[in-house]
PDB file of N, CA and C in Angstrom:
ATOM      1  N   UNK A   1      91.557  91.849 149.974  1.00  0.00           N
ATOM      2  CA  UNK A   1      91.514  90.406 150.061  1.00  0.00           C
ATOM      3  C   UNK A   1      92.856  89.825 149.616  1.00  0.00           C
ATOM      4  N   UNK A   2      93.306  88.834 150.322  1.00  0.00           N
ATOM      5  CA  UNK A   2      94.557  88.181 149.977  1.00  0.00           C
ATOM      6  C   UNK A   2      94.345  86.859 149.249  1.00  0.00           C
ATOM      7  N   UNK A   3      93.105  86.588 148.872  1.00  0.00           N
ATOM      8  CA  UNK A   3      92.782  85.351 148.163  1.00  0.00           C
ATOM      9  C   UNK A   3      92.491  85.701 146.704  1.00  0.00           C
ATOM     10  N   UNK A   4      93.086  84.960 145.801  1.00  0.00           N
ATOM     11  CA  UNK A   4      92.884  85.208 144.375  1.00  0.00           C
ATOM     12  C   UNK A   4      91.418  85.012 143.994  1.00  0.00           C
ATOM     13  N   UNK A   5      90.918  85.815 143.069  1.00  0.00           N
ATOM     14  CA  UNK A   5      89.533  85.726 142.615  1.00  0.00           C
ATOM     15  C   UNK A   5      89.200  84.325 142.110  1.00  0.00           C
ATOM     16  N   UNK A   6      90.084  83.733 141.349  1.00  0.00           N
ATOM     17  CA  UNK A   6      89.839  82.378 140.823  1.00  0.00           C
ATOM     18  C   UNK A   6      89.657  81.375 141.952  1.00  0.00           C
ATOM     19  N   UNK A   7      90.380  81.556 143.030  1.00  0.00           N
ATOM     20  CA  UNK A   7      90.249  80.637 144.165  1.00  0.00           C
ATOM     21  C   UNK A   7      88.916  80.839 144.871  1.00  0.00           C
ATOM     22  N   UNK A   8      88.446  82.071 144.951  1.00  0.00           N
ATOM     23  CA  UNK A   8      87.137  82.338 145.549  1.00  0.00           C
ATOM     24  C   UNK A   8      86.013  81.736 144.711  1.00  0.00           C
ATOM     25  N   UNK A   9      86.166  81.777 143.396  1.00  0.00           N
ATOM     26  CA  UNK A   9      85.131  81.270 142.495  1.00  0.00           C
ATOM     27  C   UNK A   9      85.174  79.747 142.386  1.00  0.00           C
ATOM     28  N   UNK A  10      86.358  79.191 142.171  1.00  0.00           N
ATOM     29  CA  UNK A  10      86.500  77.759 141.884  1.00  0.00           C
ATOM     30  C   UNK A  10      86.953  76.924 143.076  1.00  0.00           C
ATOM     31  N   UNK A  11      87.390  77.559 144.148  1.00  0.00           N
ATOM     32  CA  UNK A  11      87.848  76.830 145.318  1.00  0.00           C
ATOM     33  C   UNK A  11      89.292  76.396 145.181  1.00  0.00           C
ATOM     34  N   UNK A  12      89.747  75.690 146.211  1.00  0.00           N
ATOM     35  CA  UNK A  12      91.127  75.219 146.263  1.00  0.00           C
ATOM     36  C   UNK A  12      91.138  73.705 146.162  1.00  0.00           C
ATOM     37  N   UNK A  13      92.089  73.175 145.436  1.00  0.00           N
ATOM     38  CA  UNK A  13      92.210  71.726 145.334  1.00  0.00           C
ATOM     39  C   UNK A  13      91.242  71.132 144.339  1.00  0.00           C
ATOM     40  N   UNK A  14      91.041  69.825 144.468  1.00  0.00           N
ATOM     41  CA  UNK A  14      90.150  69.101 143.568  1.00  0.00           C
ATOM     42  C   UNK A  14      89.009  68.473 144.364  1.00  0.00           C
ATOM     43  N   UNK A  15      87.915  68.148 143.699  1.00  0.00           N
ATOM     44  CA  UNK A  15      86.745  67.604 144.376  1.00  0.00           C
ATOM     45  C   UNK A  15      87.081  66.365 145.203  1.00  0.00           C
ATOM     46  N   UNK A  16      87.984  65.568 144.717  1.00  0.00           N
ATOM     47  CA  UNK A  16      88.333  64.329 145.413  1.00  0.00           C
ATOM     48  C   UNK A  16      88.976  64.573 146.776  1.00  0.00           C
ATOM     49  N   UNK A  17      89.386  65.812 147.057  1.00  0.00           N
ATOM     50  CA  UNK A  17      90.011  66.143 148.346  1.00  0.00           C
ATOM     51  C   UNK A  17      88.997  66.520 149.424  1.00  0.00           C
ATOM     52  N   UNK A  18      87.739  66.691 149.077  1.00  0.00           N
ATOM     53  CA  UNK A  18      86.749  67.230 150.004  1.00  0.00           C
ATOM     54  C   UNK A  18      86.619  66.399 151.280  1.00  0.00           C
ATOM     55  N   UNK A  19      86.574  65.093 151.170  1.00  0.00           N
ATOM     56  CA  UNK A  19      86.441  64.257 152.355  1.00  0.00           C
ATOM     57  C   UNK A  19      87.680  64.377 153.241  1.00  0.00           C
ATOM     58  N   UNK A  20      88.857  64.470 152.628  1.00  0.00           N
ATOM     59  CA  UNK A  20      90.090  64.666 153.400  1.00  0.00           C
ATOM     60  C   UNK A  20      90.045  65.985 154.163  1.00  0.00           C
ATOM     61  N   UNK A  21      89.489  67.018 153.540  1.00  0.00           N
ATOM     62  CA  UNK A  21      89.375  68.323 154.204  1.00  0.00           C
ATOM     63  C   UNK A  21      88.440  68.208 155.410  1.00  0.00           C
ATOM     64  N   UNK A  22      87.306  67.525 155.243  1.00  0.00           N
ATOM     65  CA  UNK A  22      86.384  67.335 156.367  1.00  0.00           C
ATOM     66  C   UNK A  22      87.048  66.572 157.510  1.00  0.00           C
ATOM     67  N   UNK A  23      87.785  65.539 157.183  1.00  0.00           N
ATOM     68  CA  UNK A  23      88.452  64.743 158.219  1.00  0.00           C
ATOM     69  C   UNK A  23      89.539  65.558 158.924  1.00  0.00           C
ATOM     70  N   UNK A  24      90.284  66.327 158.170  1.00  0.00           N
ATOM     71  CA  UNK A  24      91.327  67.166 158.749  1.00  0.00           C
ATOM     72  C   UNK A  24      90.715  68.237 159.647  1.00  0.00           C
ATOM     73  N   UNK A  25      89.611  68.835 159.192  1.00  0.00           N
ATOM     74  CA  UNK A  25      88.947  69.845 160.011  1.00  0.00           C
ATOM     75  C   UNK A  25      88.522  69.241 161.346  1.00  0.00           C
ATOM     76  N   UNK A  26      87.885  68.080 161.304  1.00  0.00           N
ATOM     77  CA  UNK A  26      87.413  67.431 162.530  1.00  0.00           C
ATOM     78  C   UNK A  26      88.566  67.095 163.467  1.00  0.00           C
ATOM     79  N   UNK A  27      89.671  66.695 162.915  1.00  0.00           N
ATOM     80  CA  UNK A  27      90.841  66.328 163.714  1.00  0.00           C
ATOM     81  C   UNK A  27      91.386  67.526 164.487  1.00  0.00           C
ATOM     82  N   UNK A  28      91.292  68.719 163.893  1.00  0.00           N
ATOM     83  CA  UNK A  28      91.898  69.903 164.493  1.00  0.00           C
ATOM     84  C   UNK A  28      90.892  70.870 165.113  1.00  0.00           C
ATOM     85  N   UNK A  29      89.611  70.582 164.999  1.00  0.00           N
ATOM     86  CA  UNK A  29      88.578  71.494 165.494  1.00  0.00           C
ATOM     87  C   UNK A  29      88.453  71.437 167.009  1.00  0.00           C
ATOM     88  N   UNK A  30      88.149  72.584 167.578  1.00  0.00           N
ATOM     89  CA  UNK A  30      87.822  72.632 169.008  1.00  0.00           C
ATOM     90  C   UNK A  30      86.444  71.998 169.192  1.00  0.00           C
ATOM     91  N   UNK A  31      86.088  71.708 170.413  1.00  0.00           N
ATOM     92  CA  UNK A  31      84.829  71.022 170.696  1.00  0.00           C
ATOM     93  C   UNK A  31      83.610  71.781 170.164  1.00  0.00           C
ATOM     94  N   UNK A  32      83.686  73.100 170.091  1.00  0.00           N
ATOM     95  CA  UNK A  32      82.544  73.909 169.653  1.00  0.00           C
ATOM     96  C   UNK A  32      82.736  74.517 168.263  1.00  0.00           C
ATOM     97  N   UNK A  33      83.569  73.924 167.435  1.00  0.00           N
ATOM     98  CA  UNK A  33      83.789  74.402 166.072  1.00  0.00           C
ATOM     99  C   UNK A  33      83.216  73.415 165.065  1.00  0.00           C
ATOM    100  N   UNK A  34      82.524  73.957 164.065  1.00  0.00           N
ATOM    101  CA  UNK A  34      81.860  73.123 163.074  1.00  0.00           C
ATOM    102  C   UNK A  34      82.082  73.697 161.684  1.00  0.00           C
ATOM    103  N   UNK A  35      82.048  72.820 160.694  1.00  0.00           N
ATOM    104  CA  UNK A  35      82.158  73.215 159.291  1.00  0.00           C
ATOM    105  C   UNK A  35      80.897  72.749 158.582  1.00  0.00           C
ATOM    106  N   UNK A  36      80.246  73.678 157.895  1.00  0.00           N
ATOM    107  CA  UNK A  36      79.042  73.361 157.130  1.00  0.00           C
ATOM    108  C   UNK A  36      79.272  73.859 155.713  1.00  0.00           C
ATOM    109  N   UNK A  37      79.111  72.981 154.724  1.00  0.00           N
ATOM    110  CA  UNK A  37      79.269  73.388 153.340  1.00  0.00           C
ATOM    111  C   UNK A  37      78.288  72.627 152.466  1.00  0.00           C
ATOM    112  N   UNK A  38      78.087  73.141 151.283  1.00  0.00           N
ATOM    113  CA  UNK A  38      77.129  72.531 150.365  1.00  0.00           C
ATOM    114  C   UNK A  38      77.717  72.289 148.997  1.00  0.00           C
ATOM    115  N   UNK A  39      78.885  71.709 148.971  1.00  0.00           N
ATOM    116  CA  UNK A  39      79.546  71.482 147.699  1.00  0.00           C
ATOM    117  C   UNK A  39      80.538  70.337 147.799  1.00  0.00           C
ATOM    118  N   UNK A  40      80.969  69.858 146.664  1.00  0.00           N
ATOM    119  CA  UNK A  40      82.049  68.870 146.563  1.00  0.00           C
ATOM    120  C   UNK A  40      81.768  67.563 147.298  1.00  0.00           C
ATOM    121  N   UNK A  41      80.594  67.021 147.109  1.00  0.00           N
ATOM    122  CA  UNK A  41      80.275  65.725 147.724  1.00  0.00           C
ATOM    123  C   UNK A  41      80.605  64.607 146.745  1.00  0.00           C
ATOM    124  N   UNK A  42      81.833  64.558 146.328  1.00  0.00           N
ATOM    125  CA  UNK A  42      82.316  63.583 145.356  1.00  0.00           C
ATOM    126  C   UNK A  42      82.134  62.149 145.846  1.00  0.00           C
ATOM    127  N   UNK A  43      82.317  61.935 147.134  1.00  0.00           N
ATOM    128  CA  UNK A  43      82.234  60.595 147.725  1.00  0.00           C
ATOM    129  C   UNK A  43      80.800  60.165 148.027  1.00  0.00           C
ATOM    130  N   UNK A  44      79.846  61.081 147.938  1.00  0.00           N
ATOM    131  CA  UNK A  44      78.461  60.751 148.260  1.00  0.00           C
ATOM    132  C   UNK A  44      78.251  60.523 149.746  1.00  0.00           C
ATOM    133  N   UNK A  45      78.928  61.317 150.574  1.00  0.00           N
ATOM    134  CA  UNK A  45      78.837  61.153 152.025  1.00  0.00           C
ATOM    135  C   UNK A  45      77.473  61.623 152.534  1.00  0.00           C
ATOM    136  N   UNK A  46      77.059  61.125 153.698  1.00  0.00           N
ATOM    137  CA  UNK A  46      75.807  61.604 154.287  1.00  0.00           C
ATOM    138  C   UNK A  46      75.951  63.057 154.739  1.00  0.00           C
ATOM    139  N   UNK A  47      74.841  63.691 155.068  1.00  0.00           N
ATOM    140  CA  UNK A  47      74.866  65.094 155.481  1.00  0.00           C
ATOM    141  C   UNK A  47      75.799  65.304 156.673  1.00  0.00           C
ATOM    142  N   UNK A  48      75.746  64.423 157.658  1.00  0.00           N
ATOM    143  CA  UNK A  48      76.655  64.530 158.805  1.00  0.00           C
ATOM    144  C   UNK A  48      77.874  63.668 158.498  1.00  0.00           C
ATOM    145  N   UNK A  49      78.933  64.318 158.038  1.00  0.00           N
ATOM    146  CA  UNK A  49      80.146  63.605 157.650  1.00  0.00           C
ATOM    147  C   UNK A  49      80.843  63.037 158.870  1.00  0.00           C
ATOM    148  N   UNK A  50      80.966  63.850 159.899  1.00  0.00           N
ATOM    149  CA  UNK A  50      81.547  63.443 161.179  1.00  0.00           C
ATOM    150  C   UNK A  50      81.018  64.385 162.245  1.00  0.00           C
ATOM    151  N   UNK A  51      81.520  64.298 163.452  1.00  0.00           N
ATOM    152  CA  UNK A  51      80.952  65.090 164.552  1.00  0.00           C
ATOM    153  C   UNK A  51      81.167  66.596 164.407  1.00  0.00           C
ATOM    154  N   UNK A  52      82.005  67.023 163.475  1.00  0.00           N
ATOM    155  CA  UNK A  52      82.278  68.453 163.297  1.00  0.00           C
ATOM    156  C   UNK A  52      81.958  68.981 161.901  1.00  0.00           C
ATOM    157  N   UNK A  53      81.618  68.115 160.946  1.00  0.00           N
ATOM    158  CA  UNK A  53      81.447  68.552 159.558  1.00  0.00           C
ATOM    159  C   UNK A  53      80.117  68.067 158.966  1.00  0.00           C
ATOM    160  N   UNK A  54      79.486  68.973 158.235  1.00  0.00           N
ATOM    161  CA  UNK A  54      78.233  68.679 157.566  1.00  0.00           C
ATOM    162  C   UNK A  54      78.360  69.047 156.096  1.00  0.00           C
ATOM    163  N   UNK A  55      77.934  68.153 155.212  1.00  0.00           N
ATOM    164  CA  UNK A  55      77.962  68.397 153.776  1.00  0.00           C
ATOM    165  C   UNK A  55      76.515  68.416 153.286  1.00  0.00           C
ATOM    166  N   UNK A  56      76.059  69.577 152.866  1.00  0.00           N
ATOM    167  CA  UNK A  56      74.672  69.729 152.459  1.00  0.00           C
ATOM    168  C   UNK A  56      74.445  69.484 150.970  1.00  0.00           C
ATOM    169  N   UNK A  57      75.452  69.007 150.259  1.00  0.00           N
ATOM    170  CA  UNK A  57      75.290  68.665 148.845  1.00  0.00           C
ATOM    171  C   UNK A  57      74.674  67.276 148.741  1.00  0.00           C
ATOM    172  N   UNK A  58      73.385  67.226 148.454  1.00  0.00           N
ATOM    173  CA  UNK A  58      72.688  65.956 148.289  1.00  0.00           C
ATOM    174  C   UNK A  58      72.360  65.652 146.839  1.00  0.00           C
ATOM    175  N   UNK A  59      72.996  66.377 145.910  1.00  0.00           N
ATOM    176  CA  UNK A  59      72.794  66.200 144.471  1.00  0.00           C
ATOM    177  C   UNK A  59      71.325  66.376 144.080  1.00  0.00           C
ATOM    178  N   UNK A  60      70.691  67.386 144.654  1.00  0.00           N
ATOM    179  CA  UNK A  60      69.277  67.628 144.368  1.00  0.00           C
ATOM    180  C   UNK A  60      69.038  67.857 142.876  1.00  0.00           C
ATOM    181  N   UNK A  61      69.992  68.480 142.199  1.00  0.00           N
ATOM    182  CA  UNK A  61      69.833  68.752 140.769  1.00  0.00           C
ATOM    183  C   UNK A  61      69.962  67.498 139.918  1.00  0.00           C
ATOM    184  N   UNK A  62      70.400  66.392 140.530  1.00  0.00           N
ATOM    185  CA  UNK A  62      70.553  65.120 139.820  1.00  0.00           C
ATOM    186  C   UNK A  62      69.553  64.081 140.329  1.00  0.00           C
ATOM    187  N   UNK A  63      68.478  64.536 140.970  1.00  0.00           N
ATOM    188  CA  UNK A  63      67.467  63.622 141.478  1.00  0.00           C
ATOM    189  C   UNK A  63      67.696  63.186 142.908  1.00  0.00           C
ATOM    190  N   UNK A  64      68.640  63.808 143.594  1.00  0.00           N
ATOM    191  CA  UNK A  64      68.961  63.450 144.980  1.00  0.00           C
ATOM    192  C   UNK A  64      68.081  64.174 145.982  1.00  0.00           C
ATOM    193  N   UNK A  65      68.706  64.669 147.031  1.00  0.00           N
ATOM    194  CA  UNK A  65      67.982  65.301 148.130  1.00  0.00           C
ATOM    195  C   UNK A  65      68.375  66.765 148.297  1.00  0.00           C
ATOM    196  N   UNK A  66      67.411  67.556 148.739  1.00  0.00           N
ATOM    197  CA  UNK A  66      67.680  68.898 149.219  1.00  0.00           C
ATOM    198  C   UNK A  66      67.991  68.736 150.696  1.00  0.00           C
ATOM    199  N   UNK A  67      69.162  69.180 151.104  1.00  0.00           N
ATOM    200  CA  UNK A  67      69.579  69.016 152.497  1.00  0.00           C
ATOM    201  C   UNK A  67      69.634  70.364 153.204  1.00  0.00           C
ATOM    202  N   UNK A  68      69.251  70.355 154.470  1.00  0.00           N
ATOM    203  CA  UNK A  68      69.328  71.550 155.314  1.00  0.00           C
ATOM    204  C   UNK A  68      69.813  71.118 156.689  1.00  0.00           C
ATOM    205  N   UNK A  69      70.293  72.075 157.435  1.00  0.00           N
ATOM    206  CA  UNK A  69      70.790  71.796 158.782  1.00  0.00           C
ATOM    207  C   UNK A  69      70.123  72.766 159.741  1.00  0.00           C
ATOM    208  N   UNK A  70      69.542  72.235 160.795  1.00  0.00           N
ATOM    209  CA  UNK A  70      68.869  73.052 161.793  1.00  0.00           C
ATOM    210  C   UNK A  70      69.663  72.973 163.097  1.00  0.00           C
ATOM    211  N   UNK A  71      69.891  74.123 163.695  1.00  0.00           N
ATOM    212  CA  UNK A  71      70.587  74.184 164.983  1.00  0.00           C
ATOM    213  C   UNK A  71      69.615  74.697 166.026  1.00  0.00           C
ATOM    214  N   UNK A  72      69.466  73.931 167.088  1.00  0.00           N
ATOM    215  CA  UNK A  72      68.610  74.342 168.204  1.00  0.00           C
ATOM    216  C   UNK A  72      69.398  74.172 169.491  1.00  0.00           C
ATOM    217  N   UNK A  73      68.768  74.423 170.590  1.00  0.00           N
ATOM    218  CA  UNK A  73      69.417  74.243 171.891  1.00  0.00           C
ATOM    219  C   UNK A  73      69.826  72.790 172.115  1.00  0.00           C
ATOM    220  N   UNK A  74      69.157  71.868 171.426  1.00  0.00           N
ATOM    221  CA  UNK A  74      69.447  70.438 171.579  1.00  0.00           C
ATOM    222  C   UNK A  74      70.560  69.955 170.660  1.00  0.00           C
ATOM    223  N   UNK A  75      71.016  70.806 169.739  1.00  0.00           N
ATOM    224  CA  UNK A  75      72.082  70.423 168.822  1.00  0.00           C
ATOM    225  C   UNK A  75      71.646  70.516 167.374  1.00  0.00           C
ATOM    226  N   UNK A  76      72.380  69.829 166.510  1.00  0.00           N
ATOM    227  CA  UNK A  76      72.130  69.859 165.072  1.00  0.00           C
ATOM    228  C   UNK A  76      71.159  68.755 164.663  1.00  0.00           C
ATOM    229  N   UNK A  77      70.293  69.077 163.710  1.00  0.00           N
ATOM    230  CA  UNK A  77      69.389  68.096 163.116  1.00  0.00           C
ATOM    231  C   UNK A  77      69.450  68.298 161.603  1.00  0.00           C
ATOM    232  N   UNK A  78      69.717  67.230 160.870  1.00  0.00           N
ATOM    233  CA  UNK A  78      69.738  67.334 159.416  1.00  0.00           C
ATOM    234  C   UNK A  78      68.331  67.082 158.885  1.00  0.00           C
ATOM    235  N   UNK A  79      67.964  67.842 157.870  1.00  0.00           N
ATOM    236  CA  UNK A  79      66.662  67.716 157.213  1.00  0.00           C
ATOM    237  C   UNK A  79      66.928  67.377 155.754  1.00  0.00           C
ATOM    238  N   UNK A  80      66.204  66.421 155.216  1.00  0.00           N
ATOM    239  CA  UNK A  80      66.392  66.029 153.822  1.00  0.00           C
ATOM    240  C   UNK A  80      65.040  65.860 153.147  1.00  0.00           C
ATOM    241  N   UNK A  81      64.926  66.427 151.948  1.00  0.00           N
ATOM    242  CA  UNK A  81      63.704  66.324 151.158  1.00  0.00           C
ATOM    243  C   UNK A  81      64.076  65.746 149.800  1.00  0.00           C
ATOM    244  N   UNK A  82      63.417  64.682 149.404  1.00  0.00           N
ATOM    245  CA  UNK A  82      63.679  64.070 148.100  1.00  0.00           C
ATOM    246  C   UNK A  82      63.325  65.062 146.993  1.00  0.00           C
ATOM    247  N   UNK A  83      64.136  65.120 145.959  1.00  0.00           N
ATOM    248  CA  UNK A  83      63.890  66.075 144.884  1.00  0.00           C
ATOM    249  C   UNK A  83      62.544  65.852 144.221  1.00  0.00           C
ATOM    250  N   UNK A  84      62.030  64.636 144.233  1.00  0.00           N
ATOM    251  CA  UNK A  84      60.723  64.354 143.627  1.00  0.00           C
ATOM    252  C   UNK A  84      59.598  65.076 144.359  1.00  0.00           C
ATOM    253  N   UNK A  85      59.784  65.409 145.629  1.00  0.00           N
ATOM    254  CA  UNK A  85      58.760  66.107 146.411  1.00  0.00           C
ATOM    255  C   UNK A  85      58.849  67.616 146.240  1.00  0.00           C
ATOM    256  N   UNK A  86      59.851  68.091 145.523  1.00  0.00           N
ATOM    257  CA  UNK A  86      60.027  69.519 145.331  1.00  0.00           C
ATOM    258  C   UNK A  86      59.287  70.043 144.119  1.00  0.00           C
ATOM    259  N   UNK A  87      58.760  69.144 143.306  1.00  0.00           N
ATOM    260  CA  UNK A  87      58.072  69.560 142.074  1.00  0.00           C
ATOM    261  C   UNK A  87      56.675  70.026 142.330  1.00  0.00           C
TER     262      UNK A  87
END
């Protein structure tokens, strides 16, 4: 591996950069390329950030939502369950 262990564990950059990364990915992505992640939702963005990026961090551990993404022949569908319904 050419990536430092600390970078694999803690990631690159700071949490405040996450939305910029999603926007940059969408700008450079091919029509059939997508990014799905479940971390660094500092801005509190919705699950579908843009047409190419999905952020599944709904802050479920802080009373938010458990988010999931389903892919079918018809495309992507986001699923969200309130943390209160998980008890």
